[in-house]
Amino acid sequence: MNSYVLGFQEIDKTKLMVIGAKGANLGELSGIECIRVPEGFCVTTEAFKKIIGQTPELNTLLDQLSLLSVGDREKISEISARFAVLSKTLNDVQALVKYANNKNIADNLRDIFPNPYTEQDAINFLTAATEENEKQCLFAIDIKGEAIGGIGISLKDDIHRKSTEIGYWLAEPYWSKGIITAAIRRKGDCNAK
């Protein structure tokens, strides 16, 4: 596992500052023979700090939540839903880097598609995908909880205002399986809105 994730077997009370109290307790419990703790892992405080640093939207959401009272349930639910979307988005970063950092993919796309494909490129894509944009819809393609590609649908303007451009990429192991066709059919209604 990397420096952002520690398996329970790697955690004990000495890792309190690295993993937090709950994580340290889980690590300690998993080391006791008569207590059965399912295999698992904890995300480190270093990972949390990195995510906060690279995702200003998290701070904005936390600031918005801090201004609400317990009775503002509707607004709390709305902000909590954004956290859920953002959380899923952040989980996709590593998967996108794993699959998009591939010359075979970059060679078949516009020059704007980065190669090598970095964590920051994935964050930029996923941030754009969660923002509202009247002229463009971006989607991550997800199979079994893992992001394996992306689709962009752009509405054109001026003399091309009745045209739509669709761009996509898909992880090489998933090529020739009909995934893009199915995904575009499913998301194609974006340009009708």
Protein backbone atom coordinates (compact mmCIF):
# COMPACT_ATOMS: atom_id res chain seq x y z
CA MET A 1 0.00 0.00 0.00
CA ASN A 2 1.16 3.57 -0.62
CA SER A 3 1.88 6.36 1.86
CA TYR A 4 -1.75 7.50 1.72
CA VAL A 5 -3.21 4.18 2.82
CA LEU A 6 -2.22 1.79 5.62
CA GLY A 7 -3.59 -1.71 6.08
CA PHE A 8 -4.94 -2.56 9.54
CA GLN A 9 -1.98 -4.91 10.06
CA GLU A 10 0.37 -1.90 9.66
CA ILE A 11 -1.45 0.22 12.27
CA ASP A 12 -1.03 0.38 16.02
CA LYS A 13 -1.31 3.09 18.68
CA THR A 14 2.00 4.62 17.57
CA LYS A 15 0.32 5.62 14.29
CA LEU A 16 -2.25 7.88 16.00
CA MET A 17 -0.96 11.09 14.37
CA VAL A 18 -0.65 9.40 10.98
CA ILE A 19 -4.05 7.72 10.85
CA GLY A 20 -6.24 9.28 13.56
CA ALA A 21 -7.81 7.78 16.67
CA LYS A 22 -10.44 5.58 15.01
CA GLY A 23 -7.88 4.14 12.60
CA ALA A 24 -5.37 3.52 15.38
CA ASN A 25 -8.04 1.74 17.43
CA LEU A 26 -9.00 -0.47 14.46
CA GLY A 27 -5.34 -1.33 13.96
CA GLU A 28 -4.96 -2.24 17.63
CA LEU A 29 -8.14 -4.36 17.58
CA SER A 30 -7.03 -6.21 14.46
CA GLY A 31 -3.86 -7.25 16.30
CA ILE A 32 -5.77 -9.02 19.09
CA GLU A 33 -6.20 -12.71 18.25
CA CYS A 34 -9.57 -13.25 19.93
CA ILE A 35 -11.19 -10.24 18.20
CA ARG A 36 -12.13 -10.75 14.58
CA VAL A 37 -11.70 -7.57 12.53
CA PRO A 38 -12.28 -7.92 8.77
CA GLU A 39 -9.29 -7.01 6.63
CA GLY A 40 -9.26 -3.35 5.76
CA PHE A 41 -7.31 -0.13 5.51
CA CYS A 42 -7.33 3.48 6.64
CA VAL A 43 -6.61 6.63 4.67
CA THR A 44 -3.84 8.68 6.28
CA THR A 45 -4.10 12.25 7.52
CA GLU A 46 -1.50 13.10 4.85
CA ALA A 47 -3.94 11.93 2.17
CA PHE A 48 -6.74 13.96 3.75
CA LYS A 49 -4.55 17.09 3.77
CA LYS A 50 -3.62 16.53 0.13
CA ILE A 51 -7.25 16.14 -0.89
CA ILE A 52 -8.25 19.28 1.01
CA GLY A 53 -5.36 21.18 -0.57
CA GLN A 54 -6.24 20.09 -4.10
CA THR A 55 -9.99 20.43 -3.72
CA PRO A 56 -10.98 23.94 -2.67
CA GLU A 57 -14.63 22.94 -3.04
CA LEU A 58 -14.30 20.85 0.14
CA ASN A 59 -13.35 23.91 2.16
CA THR A 60 -16.22 25.86 0.62
CA LEU A 61 -18.67 23.11 1.58
CA LEU A 62 -17.26 22.90 5.11
CA ASP A 63 -17.58 26.70 5.46
CA GLN A 64 -21.19 26.54 4.25
CA LEU A 65 -21.99 23.77 6.73
CA SER A 66 -20.45 25.68 9.63
CA LEU A 67 -22.88 28.56 9.06
CA LEU A 68 -26.00 26.37 9.32
CA SER A 69 -28.02 25.47 12.37
CA VAL A 70 -29.35 21.99 13.15
CA GLY A 71 -32.79 23.06 11.92
CA ASP A 72 -31.53 23.79 8.38
CA ARG A 73 -32.07 20.16 7.40
CA GLU A 74 -32.86 20.82 3.73
CA LYS A 75 -29.70 22.87 3.20
CA ILE A 76 -27.62 20.35 5.20
CA SER A 77 -28.95 17.54 2.95
CA GLU A 78 -28.12 19.54 -0.16
CA ILE A 79 -24.53 20.21 0.97
CA SER A 80 -24.12 16.59 2.15
CA ALA A 81 -25.13 15.39 -1.33
CA ARG A 82 -22.31 17.51 -2.79
CA PHE A 83 -19.89 15.82 -0.36
CA ALA A 84 -21.04 12.43 -1.63
CA VAL A 85 -20.47 13.45 -5.25
CA LEU A 86 -17.11 14.98 -4.39
CA SER A 87 -16.07 11.91 -2.42
CA LYS A 88 -16.87 9.61 -5.36
CA THR A 89 -15.04 12.00 -7.64
CA LEU A 90 -11.90 11.92 -5.52
CA ASN A 91 -11.99 8.12 -5.42
CA ASP A 92 -11.88 8.11 -9.22
CA VAL A 93 -8.58 10.04 -9.46
CA GLN A 94 -6.29 7.02 -9.08
CA ALA A 95 -8.34 4.90 -11.48
CA LEU A 96 -8.31 7.61 -14.14
CA VAL A 97 -4.55 8.05 -13.85
CA LYS A 98 -4.07 4.27 -14.03
CA TYR A 99 -6.03 3.98 -17.27
CA ALA A 100 -5.60 7.37 -18.99
CA ASN A 101 -1.83 7.44 -18.69
CA ASN A 102 -1.57 5.39 -21.87
CA LYS A 103 0.04 6.52 -25.13
CA ASN A 104 -2.37 4.36 -27.15
CA ILE A 105 -5.25 6.41 -25.76
CA ALA A 106 -3.53 9.78 -26.17
CA ASP A 107 -2.56 8.98 -29.77
CA ASN A 108 -6.24 8.59 -30.70
CA LEU A 109 -7.48 11.83 -29.13
CA ARG A 110 -7.14 15.56 -29.67
CA ASP A 111 -3.82 17.10 -28.65
CA ILE A 112 -5.50 18.69 -25.61
CA PHE A 113 -5.66 15.24 -23.95
CA PRO A 114 -2.60 15.13 -21.68
CA ASN A 115 0.13 12.54 -21.98
CA PRO A 116 1.46 11.64 -19.52
CA TYR A 117 -1.83 11.80 -17.61
CA THR A 118 -1.27 12.92 -14.00
CA GLU A 119 -3.30 13.13 -10.80
CA GLN A 120 -3.81 16.82 -11.48
CA ASP A 121 -5.21 16.03 -14.95
CA ALA A 122 -7.69 13.59 -13.35
CA ILE A 123 -8.67 16.17 -10.71
CA ASN A 124 -9.17 18.81 -13.42
CA PHE A 125 -11.38 16.46 -15.46
CA LEU A 126 -13.46 15.37 -12.48
CA THR A 127 -13.84 18.93 -11.21
CA ALA A 128 -15.08 20.03 -14.63
CA ALA A 129 -17.42 17.02 -14.74
CA THR A 130 -19.11 18.08 -11.48
CA GLU A 131 -19.54 21.75 -12.45
CA GLU A 132 -22.63 23.01 -14.22
CA ASN A 133 -21.88 24.14 -17.77
CA GLU A 134 -24.51 25.02 -20.36
CA LYS A 135 -22.20 24.26 -23.28
CA GLN A 136 -20.50 21.09 -22.11
CA CYS A 137 -21.30 17.89 -20.23
CA LEU A 138 -18.49 15.67 -18.97
CA PHE A 139 -18.98 12.20 -17.57
CA ALA A 140 -16.70 9.58 -16.09
CA ILE A 141 -17.45 6.06 -17.31
CA ASP A 142 -17.71 3.77 -14.31
CA ILE A 143 -17.60 -0.03 -14.32
CA LYS A 144 -17.98 -1.87 -11.00
CA GLY A 145 -17.18 1.28 -9.04
CA GLU A 146 -14.03 2.16 -10.98
CA ALA A 147 -13.65 5.04 -13.44
CA ILE A 148 -12.42 3.58 -16.74
CA GLY A 149 -12.93 6.44 -19.16
CA GLY A 150 -14.70 9.67 -19.96
CA ILE A 151 -17.18 11.24 -22.35
CA GLY A 152 -17.44 14.91 -23.26
CA ILE A 153 -20.44 16.34 -25.08
CA SER A 154 -19.93 19.92 -26.28
CA LEU A 155 -22.61 22.14 -27.76
CA LYS A 156 -21.14 24.31 -30.50
CA ASP A 157 -21.94 27.96 -31.20
CA ASP A 158 -22.08 30.52 -33.98
CA ILE A 159 -22.63 28.85 -37.36
CA HIS A 160 -22.18 25.44 -35.72
CA ARG A 161 -24.84 26.12 -33.05
CA LYS A 162 -26.95 23.16 -34.18
CA SER A 163 -23.99 20.80 -33.88
CA THR A 164 -22.73 18.71 -31.01
CA GLU A 165 -19.25 17.28 -30.63
CA ILE A 166 -18.81 14.05 -28.71
CA GLY A 167 -15.39 12.98 -27.53
CA TYR A 168 -14.51 9.98 -25.43
CA TRP A 169 -11.76 7.74 -24.20
CA LEU A 170 -11.89 4.31 -22.66
CA ALA A 171 -9.34 2.21 -20.79
CA GLU A 172 -7.61 -0.11 -23.25
CA PRO A 173 -8.65 -3.36 -21.50
CA TYR A 174 -12.30 -2.40 -22.19
CA TRP A 175 -11.96 -1.65 -25.92
CA SER A 176 -14.27 -3.44 -28.41
CA LYS A 177 -16.88 -4.41 -25.82
CA GLY A 178 -19.66 -1.94 -26.79
CA ILE A 179 -19.17 0.16 -23.66
CA ILE A 180 -18.79 3.51 -25.43
CA THR A 181 -21.86 2.91 -27.59
CA ALA A 182 -23.94 2.08 -24.52
CA ALA A 183 -22.54 5.01 -22.53
CA ILE A 184 -23.19 7.55 -25.30
CA ARG A 185 -26.75 6.28 -25.76
CA ARG A 186 -27.29 6.65 -22.02
CA LYS A 187 -25.76 10.12 -21.74
CA GLY A 188 -26.71 11.46 -25.16
CA ASP A 189 -29.74 13.32 -23.82
CA CYS A 190 -27.39 15.92 -22.29
CA ASN A 191 -27.40 17.97 -25.51
CA ALA A 192 -31.18 17.98 -25.63
CA LYS A 193 -31.41 19.90 -22.33
